[in-house]
Amino acid sequence: GVMKTMNKQMNPQDMAKVMQNFERENAKMDMTGELMEDTLDSALGESGDEEESDLIMNQVLDEIGIEIKGQMDRAPAAGSSSLAGPSTVRGTKAPTDADIELS
């Protein structure tokens, strides 16, 4: 019945060959990816030049339209923004530690 029809349409030996080819090519792709990753790691790692790494990173970010430095320059410095100031609730100043100790 159904299995004979399937076997006629999809030759099991041909499918086994296709699967073996797929596995072999997949293994080649994995090895190529690992080799490329190792090569890049060694090329960038051996230079020891942090400025070169930063330059490469900035070039990549520039190419994709991300500007980190400009955004970081506009960011408020720690402790210097109004975010660090006293908080208010409905127009009244929130109590400080000294106010709480006095009460």
PDB file of N, CA and C in Angstrom:
ATOM      1  N   GLY A   1       0.745  -1.180   0.000  1.00  0.00           N
ATOM      2  CA  GLY A   1       0.000   0.000   0.000  1.00  0.00           C
ATOM      3  C   GLY A   1       0.809   1.281   0.000  1.00  0.00           C
ATOM      4  N   VAL A   2       0.619   1.991   1.070  1.00  0.00           N
ATOM      5  CA  VAL A   2       1.169   3.343   1.186  1.00  0.00           C
ATOM      6  C   VAL A   2       2.701   3.314   1.214  1.00  0.00           C
ATOM      7  N   MET A   3       3.286   2.384   1.953  1.00  0.00           N
ATOM      8  CA  MET A   3       4.751   2.303   2.057  1.00  0.00           C
ATOM      9  C   MET A   3       5.399   1.966   0.717  1.00  0.00           C
ATOM     10  N   LYS A   4       4.786   1.078  -0.052  1.00  0.00           N
ATOM     11  CA  LYS A   4       5.338   0.739  -1.362  1.00  0.00           C
ATOM     12  C   LYS A   4       5.323   1.962  -2.268  1.00  0.00           C
ATOM     13  N   THR A   5       4.220   2.724  -2.216  1.00  0.00           N
ATOM     14  CA  THR A   5       4.111   3.932  -3.029  1.00  0.00           C
ATOM     15  C   THR A   5       5.179   4.944  -2.617  1.00  0.00           C
ATOM     16  N   MET A   6       5.364   5.111  -1.301  1.00  0.00           N
ATOM     17  CA  MET A   6       6.380   6.041  -0.791  1.00  0.00           C
ATOM     18  C   MET A   6       7.781   5.591  -1.219  1.00  0.00           C
ATOM     19  N   ASN A   7       8.048   4.293  -1.115  1.00  0.00           N
ATOM     20  CA  ASN A   7       9.366   3.778  -1.493  1.00  0.00           C
ATOM     21  C   ASN A   7       9.638   3.952  -2.978  1.00  0.00           C
ATOM     22  N   LYS A   8       8.603   3.874  -3.790  1.00  0.00           N
ATOM     23  CA  LYS A   8       8.778   4.091  -5.223  1.00  0.00           C
ATOM     24  C   LYS A   8       9.082   5.560  -5.502  1.00  0.00           C
ATOM     25  N   GLN A   9       8.381   6.447  -4.801  1.00  0.00           N
ATOM     26  CA  GLN A   9       8.577   7.879  -5.018  1.00  0.00           C
ATOM     27  C   GLN A   9       9.888   8.373  -4.411  1.00  0.00           C
ATOM     28  N   MET A  10      10.271   7.851  -3.265  1.00  0.00           N
ATOM     29  CA  MET A  10      11.483   8.284  -2.558  1.00  0.00           C
ATOM     30  C   MET A  10      12.353   7.067  -2.320  1.00  0.00           C
ATOM     31  N   ASN A  11      13.330   6.869  -3.174  1.00  0.00           N
ATOM     32  CA  ASN A  11      14.219   5.727  -3.074  1.00  0.00           C
ATOM     33  C   ASN A  11      15.034   5.841  -1.777  1.00  0.00           C
ATOM     34  N   PRO A  12      14.896   4.892  -0.853  1.00  0.00           N
ATOM     35  CA  PRO A  12      15.613   4.965   0.434  1.00  0.00           C
ATOM     36  C   PRO A  12      17.131   5.049   0.274  1.00  0.00           C
ATOM     37  N   GLN A  13      17.699   4.346  -0.714  1.00  0.00           N
ATOM     38  CA  GLN A  13      19.145   4.425  -0.916  1.00  0.00           C
ATOM     39  C   GLN A  13      19.573   5.821  -1.369  1.00  0.00           C
ATOM     40  N   ASP A  14      18.786   6.424  -2.241  1.00  0.00           N
ATOM     41  CA  ASP A  14      19.094   7.792  -2.683  1.00  0.00           C
ATOM     42  C   ASP A  14      18.981   8.766  -1.514  1.00  0.00           C
ATOM     43  N   MET A  15      17.966   8.570  -0.693  1.00  0.00           N
ATOM     44  CA  MET A  15      17.787   9.446   0.478  1.00  0.00           C
ATOM     45  C   MET A  15      18.962   9.294   1.447  1.00  0.00           C
ATOM     46  N   ALA A  16      19.456   8.070   1.622  1.00  0.00           N
ATOM     47  CA  ALA A  16      20.599   7.828   2.504  1.00  0.00           C
ATOM     48  C   ALA A  16      21.835   8.542   1.963  1.00  0.00           C
ATOM     49  N   LYS A  17      22.020   8.516   0.634  1.00  0.00           N
ATOM     50  CA  LYS A  17      23.153   9.217   0.023  1.00  0.00           C
ATOM     51  C   LYS A  17      23.027  10.725   0.231  1.00  0.00           C
ATOM     52  N   VAL A  18      21.828  11.242   0.050  1.00  0.00           N
ATOM     53  CA  VAL A  18      21.591  12.677   0.243  1.00  0.00           C
ATOM     54  C   VAL A  18      21.899  13.071   1.685  1.00  0.00           C
ATOM     55  N   MET A  19      21.457  12.245   2.637  1.00  0.00           N
ATOM     56  CA  MET A  19      21.706  12.529   4.054  1.00  0.00           C
ATOM     57  C   MET A  19      23.210  12.485   4.371  1.00  0.00           C
ATOM     58  N   GLN A  20      23.919  11.515   3.784  1.00  0.00           N
ATOM     59  CA  GLN A  20      25.366  11.436   4.012  1.00  0.00           C
ATOM     60  C   GLN A  20      26.074  12.675   3.447  1.00  0.00           C
ATOM     61  N   ASN A  21      25.661  13.089   2.249  1.00  0.00           N
ATOM     62  CA  ASN A  21      26.241  14.295   1.655  1.00  0.00           C
ATOM     63  C   ASN A  21      25.953  15.524   2.514  1.00  0.00           C
ATOM     64  N   PHE A  22      24.724  15.595   3.005  1.00  0.00           N
ATOM     65  CA  PHE A  22      24.347  16.722   3.865  1.00  0.00           C
ATOM     66  C   PHE A  22      25.217  16.745   5.126  1.00  0.00           C
ATOM     67  N   GLU A  23      25.374  15.604   5.769  1.00  0.00           N
ATOM     68  CA  GLU A  23      26.181  15.520   6.987  1.00  0.00           C
ATOM     69  C   GLU A  23      27.631  15.917   6.713  1.00  0.00           C
ATOM     70  N   ARG A  24      28.178  15.450   5.593  1.00  0.00           N
ATOM     71  CA  ARG A  24      29.565  15.772   5.246  1.00  0.00           C
ATOM     72  C   ARG A  24      29.714  17.279   5.007  1.00  0.00           C
ATOM     73  N   GLU A  25      28.816  17.864   4.224  1.00  0.00           N
ATOM     74  CA  GLU A  25      28.887  19.297   3.931  1.00  0.00           C
ATOM     75  C   GLU A  25      28.669  20.138   5.186  1.00  0.00           C
ATOM     76  N   ASN A  26      27.778  19.676   6.050  1.00  0.00           N
ATOM     77  CA  ASN A  26      27.528  20.389   7.305  1.00  0.00           C
ATOM     78  C   ASN A  26      28.779  20.367   8.181  1.00  0.00           C
ATOM     79  N   ALA A  27      29.461  19.232   8.233  1.00  0.00           N
ATOM     80  CA  ALA A  27      30.698  19.122   9.004  1.00  0.00           C
ATOM     81  C   ALA A  27      31.771  20.048   8.424  1.00  0.00           C
ATOM     82  N   LYS A  28      31.860  20.117   7.079  1.00  0.00           N
ATOM     83  CA  LYS A  28      32.818  21.025   6.433  1.00  0.00           C
ATOM     84  C   LYS A  28      32.518  22.474   6.805  1.00  0.00           C
ATOM     85  N   MET A  29      31.238  22.837   6.787  1.00  0.00           N
ATOM     86  CA  MET A  29      30.833  24.194   7.121  1.00  0.00           C
ATOM     87  C   MET A  29      31.199  24.521   8.568  1.00  0.00           C
ATOM     88  N   ASP A  30      30.965  23.589   9.483  1.00  0.00           N
ATOM     89  CA  ASP A  30      31.322  23.802  10.886  1.00  0.00           C
ATOM     90  C   ASP A  30      32.817  24.002  11.049  1.00  0.00           C
ATOM     91  N   MET A  31      33.604  23.168  10.364  1.00  0.00           N
ATOM     92  CA  MET A  31      35.067  23.291  10.463  1.00  0.00           C
ATOM     93  C   MET A  31      35.543  24.616   9.875  1.00  0.00           C
ATOM     94  N   THR A  32      34.956  25.028   8.755  1.00  0.00           N
ATOM     95  CA  THR A  32      35.331  26.294   8.135  1.00  0.00           C
ATOM     96  C   THR A  32      34.997  27.454   9.067  1.00  0.00           C
ATOM     97  N   GLY A  33      33.824  27.413   9.685  1.00  0.00           N
ATOM     98  CA  GLY A  33      33.429  28.459  10.635  1.00  0.00           C
ATOM     99  C   GLY A  33      34.371  28.532  11.817  1.00  0.00           C
ATOM    100  N   GLU A  34      34.741  27.376  12.361  1.00  0.00           N
ATOM    101  CA  GLU A  34      35.672  27.350  13.495  1.00  0.00           C
ATOM    102  C   GLU A  34      37.037  27.882  13.086  1.00  0.00           C
ATOM    103  N   LEU A  35      37.498  27.508  11.889  1.00  0.00           N
ATOM    104  CA  LEU A  35      38.792  27.979  11.398  1.00  0.00           C
ATOM    105  C   LEU A  35      38.780  29.495  11.235  1.00  0.00           C
ATOM    106  N   MET A  36      37.706  30.029  10.663  1.00  0.00           N
ATOM    107  CA  MET A  36      37.604  31.476  10.493  1.00  0.00           C
ATOM    108  C   MET A  36      37.602  32.174  11.850  1.00  0.00           C
ATOM    109  N   GLU A  37      36.844  31.644  12.794  1.00  0.00           N
ATOM    110  CA  GLU A  37      36.768  32.240  14.128  1.00  0.00           C
ATOM    111  C   GLU A  37      38.131  32.206  14.814  1.00  0.00           C
ATOM    112  N   ASP A  38      38.825  31.071  14.731  1.00  0.00           N
ATOM    113  CA  ASP A  38      40.157  30.952  15.329  1.00  0.00           C
ATOM    114  C   ASP A  38      41.141  31.922  14.685  1.00  0.00           C
ATOM    115  N   THR A  39      41.060  32.056  13.360  1.00  0.00           N
ATOM    116  CA  THR A  39      41.957  32.962  12.642  1.00  0.00           C
ATOM    117  C   THR A  39      41.723  34.401  13.066  1.00  0.00           C
ATOM    118  N   LEU A  40      40.449  34.804  13.147  1.00  0.00           N
ATOM    119  CA  LEU A  40      40.148  36.167  13.580  1.00  0.00           C
ATOM    120  C   LEU A  40      40.575  36.394  15.022  1.00  0.00           C
ATOM    121  N   ASP A  41      40.315  35.425  15.892  1.00  0.00           N
ATOM    122  CA  ASP A  41      40.714  35.563  17.296  1.00  0.00           C
ATOM    123  C   ASP A  41      42.221  35.726  17.421  1.00  0.00           C
ATOM    124  N   SER A  42      42.964  34.913  16.677  1.00  0.00           N
ATOM    125  CA  SER A  42      44.415  35.001  16.783  1.00  0.00           C
ATOM    126  C   SER A  42      44.933  36.288  16.158  1.00  0.00           C
ATOM    127  N   ALA A  43      44.343  36.726  15.056  1.00  0.00           N
ATOM    128  CA  ALA A  43      44.797  37.951  14.404  1.00  0.00           C
ATOM    129  C   ALA A  43      44.533  39.169  15.282  1.00  0.00           C
ATOM    130  N   LEU A  44      43.365  39.230  15.882  1.00  0.00           N
ATOM    131  CA  LEU A  44      43.036  40.370  16.727  1.00  0.00           C
ATOM    132  C   LEU A  44      43.658  40.225  18.114  1.00  0.00           C
ATOM    133  N   GLY A  45      43.781  39.003  18.590  1.00  0.00           N
ATOM    134  CA  GLY A  45      44.322  38.777  19.922  1.00  0.00           C
ATOM    135  C   GLY A  45      45.810  38.984  19.998  1.00  0.00           C
ATOM    136  N   GLU A  46      46.542  38.632  18.956  1.00  0.00           N
ATOM    137  CA  GLU A  46      47.994  38.754  18.969  1.00  0.00           C
ATOM    138  C   GLU A  46      48.449  40.190  18.848  1.00  0.00           C
ATOM    139  N   SER A  47      47.637  41.047  18.237  1.00  0.00           N
ATOM    140  CA  SER A  47      48.077  42.424  18.043  1.00  0.00           C
ATOM    141  C   SER A  47      48.254  43.111  19.391  1.00  0.00           C
ATOM    142  N   GLY A  48      47.394  42.785  20.349  1.00  0.00           N
ATOM    143  CA  GLY A  48      47.494  43.399  21.657  1.00  0.00           C
ATOM    144  C   GLY A  48      47.252  44.888  21.613  1.00  0.00           C
ATOM    145  N   ASP A  49      46.813  45.387  20.503  1.00  0.00           N
ATOM    146  CA  ASP A  49      46.626  46.815  20.327  1.00  0.00           C
ATOM    147  C   ASP A  49      45.163  47.158  20.534  1.00  0.00           C
ATOM    148  N   GLU A  50      44.862  47.674  21.705  1.00  0.00           N
ATOM    149  CA  GLU A  50      43.468  47.989  22.025  1.00  0.00           C
ATOM    150  C   GLU A  50      42.927  49.094  21.130  1.00  0.00           C
ATOM    151  N   GLU A  51      43.788  50.042  20.765  1.00  0.00           N
ATOM    152  CA  GLU A  51      43.350  51.126  19.884  1.00  0.00           C
ATOM    153  C   GLU A  51      42.922  50.586  18.525  1.00  0.00           C
ATOM    154  N   GLU A  52      43.655  49.598  18.019  1.00  0.00           N
ATOM    155  CA  GLU A  52      43.306  48.994  16.732  1.00  0.00           C
ATOM    156  C   GLU A  52      41.950  48.302  16.827  1.00  0.00           C
ATOM    157  N   SER A  53      41.725  47.596  17.928  1.00  0.00           N
ATOM    158  CA  SER A  53      40.442  46.931  18.128  1.00  0.00           C
ATOM    159  C   SER A  53      39.317  47.947  18.199  1.00  0.00           C
ATOM    160  N   ASP A  54      39.554  49.055  18.929  1.00  0.00           N
ATOM    161  CA  ASP A  54      38.540  50.103  19.029  1.00  0.00           C
ATOM    162  C   ASP A  54      38.258  50.720  17.667  1.00  0.00           C
ATOM    163  N   LEU A  55      39.316  50.926  16.879  1.00  0.00           N
ATOM    164  CA  LEU A  55      39.155  51.501  15.546  1.00  0.00           C
ATOM    165  C   LEU A  55      38.304  50.595  14.664  1.00  0.00           C
ATOM    166  N   ILE A  56      38.609  49.306  14.697  1.00  0.00           N
ATOM    167  CA  ILE A  56      37.836  48.344  13.899  1.00  0.00           C
ATOM    168  C   ILE A  56      36.378  48.339  14.360  1.00  0.00           C
ATOM    169  N   MET A  57      36.165  48.320  15.672  1.00  0.00           N
ATOM    170  CA  MET A  57      34.797  48.313  16.210  1.00  0.00           C
ATOM    171  C   MET A  57      34.059  49.578  15.793  1.00  0.00           C
ATOM    172  N   ASN A  58      34.711  50.726  15.873  1.00  0.00           N
ATOM    173  CA  ASN A  58      34.069  51.979  15.483  1.00  0.00           C
ATOM    174  C   ASN A  58      33.749  52.006  13.994  1.00  0.00           C
ATOM    175  N   GLN A  59      34.644  51.445  13.169  1.00  0.00           N
ATOM    176  CA  GLN A  59      34.364  51.390  11.732  1.00  0.00           C
ATOM    177  C   GLN A  59      33.126  50.548  11.461  1.00  0.00           C
ATOM    178  N   VAL A  60      33.036  49.405  12.147  1.00  0.00           N
ATOM    179  CA  VAL A  60      31.877  48.534  11.962  1.00  0.00           C
ATOM    180  C   VAL A  60      30.609  49.249  12.423  1.00  0.00           C
ATOM    181  N   LEU A  61      30.667  49.880  13.595  1.00  0.00           N
ATOM    182  CA  LEU A  61      29.498  50.587  14.111  1.00  0.00           C
ATOM    183  C   LEU A  61      29.111  51.748  13.202  1.00  0.00           C
ATOM    184  N   ASP A  62      30.109  52.464  12.663  1.00  0.00           N
ATOM    185  CA  ASP A  62      29.824  53.557  11.735  1.00  0.00           C
ATOM    186  C   ASP A  62      29.108  53.042  10.496  1.00  0.00           C
ATOM    187  N   GLU A  63      29.545  51.881  10.014  1.00  0.00           N
ATOM    188  CA  GLU A  63      28.939  51.312   8.812  1.00  0.00           C
ATOM    189  C   GLU A  63      27.480  50.965   9.034  1.00  0.00           C
ATOM    190  N   ILE A  64      27.128  50.565  10.248  1.00  0.00           N
ATOM    191  CA  ILE A  64      25.725  50.221  10.494  1.00  0.00           C
ATOM    192  C   ILE A  64      24.955  51.381  11.116  1.00  0.00           C
ATOM    193  N   GLY A  65      25.614  52.549  11.198  1.00  0.00           N
ATOM    194  CA  GLY A  65      24.919  53.765  11.596  1.00  0.00           C
ATOM    195  C   GLY A  65      24.748  53.947  13.087  1.00  0.00           C
ATOM    196  N   ILE A  66      25.631  53.404  13.877  1.00  0.00           N
ATOM    197  CA  ILE A  66      25.521  53.576  15.321  1.00  0.00           C
ATOM    198  C   ILE A  66      26.670  54.471  15.772  1.00  0.00           C
ATOM    199  N   GLU A  67      26.331  55.538  16.458  1.00  0.00           N
ATOM    200  CA  GLU A  67      27.362  56.427  16.969  1.00  0.00           C
ATOM    201  C   GLU A  67      27.321  56.374  18.483  1.00  0.00           C
ATOM    202  N   ILE A  68      28.240  55.680  19.063  1.00  0.00           N
ATOM    203  CA  ILE A  68      28.276  55.501  20.511  1.00  0.00           C
ATOM    204  C   ILE A  68      28.867  56.721  21.196  1.00  0.00           C
ATOM    205  N   LYS A  69      30.004  57.235  20.682  1.00  0.00           N
ATOM    206  CA  LYS A  69      30.709  58.309  21.356  1.00  0.00           C
ATOM    207  C   LYS A  69      29.820  59.528  21.521  1.00  0.00           C
ATOM    208  N   GLY A  70      29.131  59.945  20.485  1.00  0.00           N
ATOM    209  CA  GLY A  70      28.260  61.115  20.570  1.00  0.00           C
ATOM    210  C   GLY A  70      27.162  60.929  21.597  1.00  0.00           C
ATOM    211  N   GLN A  71      26.621  59.745  21.669  1.00  0.00           N
ATOM    212  CA  GLN A  71      25.572  59.472  22.649  1.00  0.00           C
ATOM    213  C   GLN A  71      26.142  59.452  24.058  1.00  0.00           C
ATOM    214  N   MET A  72      27.346  58.932  24.207  1.00  0.00           N
ATOM    215  CA  MET A  72      27.969  58.878  25.527  1.00  0.00           C
ATOM    216  C   MET A  72      28.341  60.280  25.998  1.00  0.00           C
ATOM    217  N   ASP A  73      28.769  61.154  25.075  1.00  0.00           N
ATOM    218  CA  ASP A  73      29.116  62.526  25.452  1.00  0.00           C
ATOM    219  C   ASP A  73      27.901  63.291  25.959  1.00  0.00           C
ATOM    220  N   ARG A  74      26.731  63.002  25.402  1.00  0.00           N
ATOM    221  CA  ARG A  74      25.510  63.697  25.807  1.00  0.00           C
ATOM    222  C   ARG A  74      24.893  63.111  27.066  1.00  0.00           C
ATOM    223  N   ALA A  75      25.337  61.922  27.471  1.00  0.00           N
ATOM    224  CA  ALA A  75      24.768  61.278  28.655  1.00  0.00           C
ATOM    225  C   ALA A  75      25.210  62.038  29.896  1.00  0.00           C
ATOM    226  N   PRO A  76      24.324  62.151  30.888  1.00  0.00           N
ATOM    227  CA  PRO A  76      24.701  62.864  32.117  1.00  0.00           C
ATOM    228  C   PRO A  76      25.801  62.108  32.861  1.00  0.00           C
ATOM    229  N   ALA A  77      26.702  62.852  33.447  1.00  0.00           N
ATOM    230  CA  ALA A  77      27.779  62.237  34.230  1.00  0.00           C
ATOM    231  C   ALA A  77      27.202  61.741  35.553  1.00  0.00           C
ATOM    232  N   ALA A  78      27.826  60.753  36.127  1.00  0.00           N
ATOM    233  CA  ALA A  78      27.354  60.194  37.393  1.00  0.00           C
ATOM    234  C   ALA A  78      27.395  61.260  38.477  1.00  0.00           C
ATOM    235  N   GLY A  79      26.289  61.427  39.178  1.00  0.00           N
ATOM    236  CA  GLY A  79      26.230  62.359  40.295  1.00  0.00           C
ATOM    237  C   GLY A  79      26.070  63.805  39.902  1.00  0.00           C
ATOM    238  N   SER A  80      26.028  64.110  38.603  1.00  0.00           N
ATOM    239  CA  SER A  80      25.938  65.513  38.207  1.00  0.00           C
ATOM    240  C   SER A  80      24.594  65.858  37.578  1.00  0.00           C
ATOM    241  N   SER A  81      23.683  64.921  37.530  1.00  0.00           N
ATOM    242  CA  SER A  81      22.400  65.192  36.878  1.00  0.00           C
ATOM    243  C   SER A  81      21.335  65.523  37.898  1.00  0.00           C
ATOM    244  N   SER A  82      20.232  66.011  37.405  1.00  0.00           N
ATOM    245  CA  SER A  82      19.113  66.319  38.291  1.00  0.00           C
ATOM    246  C   SER A  82      18.488  65.046  38.843  1.00  0.00           C
ATOM    247  N   LEU A  83      18.848  63.909  38.258  1.00  0.00           N
ATOM    248  CA  LEU A  83      18.322  62.652  38.769  1.00  0.00           C
ATOM    249  C   LEU A  83      18.811  62.373  40.181  1.00  0.00           C
ATOM    250  N   ALA A  84      19.980  62.903  40.520  1.00  0.00           N
ATOM    251  CA  ALA A  84      20.556  62.645  41.832  1.00  0.00           C
ATOM    252  C   ALA A  84      20.055  63.636  42.882  1.00  0.00           C
ATOM    253  N   GLY A  85      19.300  64.631  42.472  1.00  0.00           N
ATOM    254  CA  GLY A  85      18.828  65.670  43.392  1.00  0.00           C
ATOM    255  C   GLY A  85      17.738  65.158  44.309  1.00  0.00           C
ATOM    256  N   PRO A  86      17.298  65.989  45.264  1.00  0.00           N
ATOM    257  CA  PRO A  86      16.253  65.561  46.195  1.00  0.00           C
ATOM    258  C   PRO A  86      14.934  65.330  45.462  1.00  0.00           C
ATOM    259  N   SER A  87      14.218  64.321  45.882  1.00  0.00           N
ATOM    260  CA  SER A  87      12.942  64.028  45.235  1.00  0.00           C
ATOM    261  C   SER A  87      11.837  64.828  45.924  1.00  0.00           C
ATOM    262  N   THR A  88      10.800  65.106  45.165  1.00  0.00           N
ATOM    263  CA  THR A  88       9.681  65.845  45.742  1.00  0.00           C
ATOM    264  C   THR A  88       8.401  65.068  45.520  1.00  0.00           C
ATOM    265  N   VAL A  89       7.503  65.219  46.454  1.00  0.00           N
ATOM    266  CA  VAL A  89       6.198  64.596  46.349  1.00  0.00           C
ATOM    267  C   VAL A  89       5.161  65.699  46.454  1.00  0.00           C
ATOM    268  N   ARG A  90       4.387  65.887  45.405  1.00  0.00           N
ATOM    269  CA  ARG A  90       3.338  66.916  45.337  1.00  0.00           C
ATOM    270  C   ARG A  90       3.851  68.281  45.778  1.00  0.00           C
ATOM    271  N   GLY A  91       5.041  68.626  45.282  1.00  0.00           N
ATOM    272  CA  GLY A  91       5.556  69.964  45.526  1.00  0.00           C
ATOM    273  C   GLY A  91       6.262  70.135  46.854  1.00  0.00           C
ATOM    274  N   THR A  92       6.279  69.121  47.710  1.00  0.00           N
ATOM    275  CA  THR A  92       6.990  69.248  48.981  1.00  0.00           C
ATOM    276  C   THR A  92       8.246  68.410  48.918  1.00  0.00           C
ATOM    277  N   LYS A  93       9.261  68.873  49.609  1.00  0.00           N
ATOM    278  CA  LYS A  93      10.537  68.167  49.601  1.00  0.00           C
ATOM    279  C   LYS A  93      10.419  66.880  50.405  1.00  0.00           C
ATOM    280  N   ALA A  94      10.972  65.799  49.862  1.00  0.00           N
ATOM    281  CA  ALA A  94      10.960  64.523  50.576  1.00  0.00           C
ATOM    282  C   ALA A  94      11.893  64.622  51.774  1.00  0.00           C
ATOM    283  N   PRO A  95      11.581  63.950  52.880  1.00  0.00           N
ATOM    284  CA  PRO A  95      12.428  64.042  54.080  1.00  0.00           C
ATOM    285  C   PRO A  95      13.788  63.404  53.848  1.00  0.00           C
ATOM    286  N   THR A  96      14.811  64.034  54.410  1.00  0.00           N
ATOM    287  CA  THR A  96      16.163  63.484  54.336  1.00  0.00           C
ATOM    288  C   THR A  96      16.390  62.597  55.538  1.00  0.00           C
ATOM    289  N   ASP A  97      17.559  61.918  55.599  1.00  0.00           N
ATOM    290  CA  ASP A  97      17.875  61.078  56.752  1.00  0.00           C
ATOM    291  C   ASP A  97      17.903  61.906  58.036  1.00  0.00           C
ATOM    292  N   ALA A  98      18.435  63.144  57.944  1.00  0.00           N
ATOM    293  CA  ALA A  98      18.506  64.006  59.119  1.00  0.00           C
ATOM    294  C   ALA A  98      17.107  64.363  59.614  1.00  0.00           C
ATOM    295  N   ASP A  99      16.173  64.637  58.693  1.00  0.00           N
ATOM    296  CA  ASP A  99      14.788  64.946  59.074  1.00  0.00           C
ATOM    297  C   ASP A  99      14.154  63.761  59.787  1.00  0.00           C
ATOM    298  N   ILE A 100      14.428  62.568  59.296  1.00  0.00           N
ATOM    299  CA  ILE A 100      13.828  61.375  59.889  1.00  0.00           C
ATOM    300  C   ILE A 100      14.394  61.136  61.286  1.00  0.00           C
ATOM    301  N   GLU A 101      15.688  61.378  61.465  1.00  0.00           N
ATOM    302  CA  GLU A 101      16.307  61.178  62.783  1.00  0.00           C
ATOM    303  C   GLU A 101      15.780  62.168  63.793  1.00  0.00           C
ATOM    304  N   LEU A 102      15.432  63.406  63.360  1.00  0.00           N
ATOM    305  CA  LEU A 102      14.920  64.419  64.261  1.00  0.00           C
ATOM    306  C   LEU A 102      13.498  64.124  64.725  1.00  0.00           C
ATOM    307  N   SER A 103      12.744  63.376  63.956  1.00  0.00           N
ATOM    308  CA  SER A 103      11.351  63.156  64.310  1.00  0.00           C
ATOM    309  C   SER A 103      11.128  61.979  65.205  1.00  0.00           C
TER     310      SER A 103
END
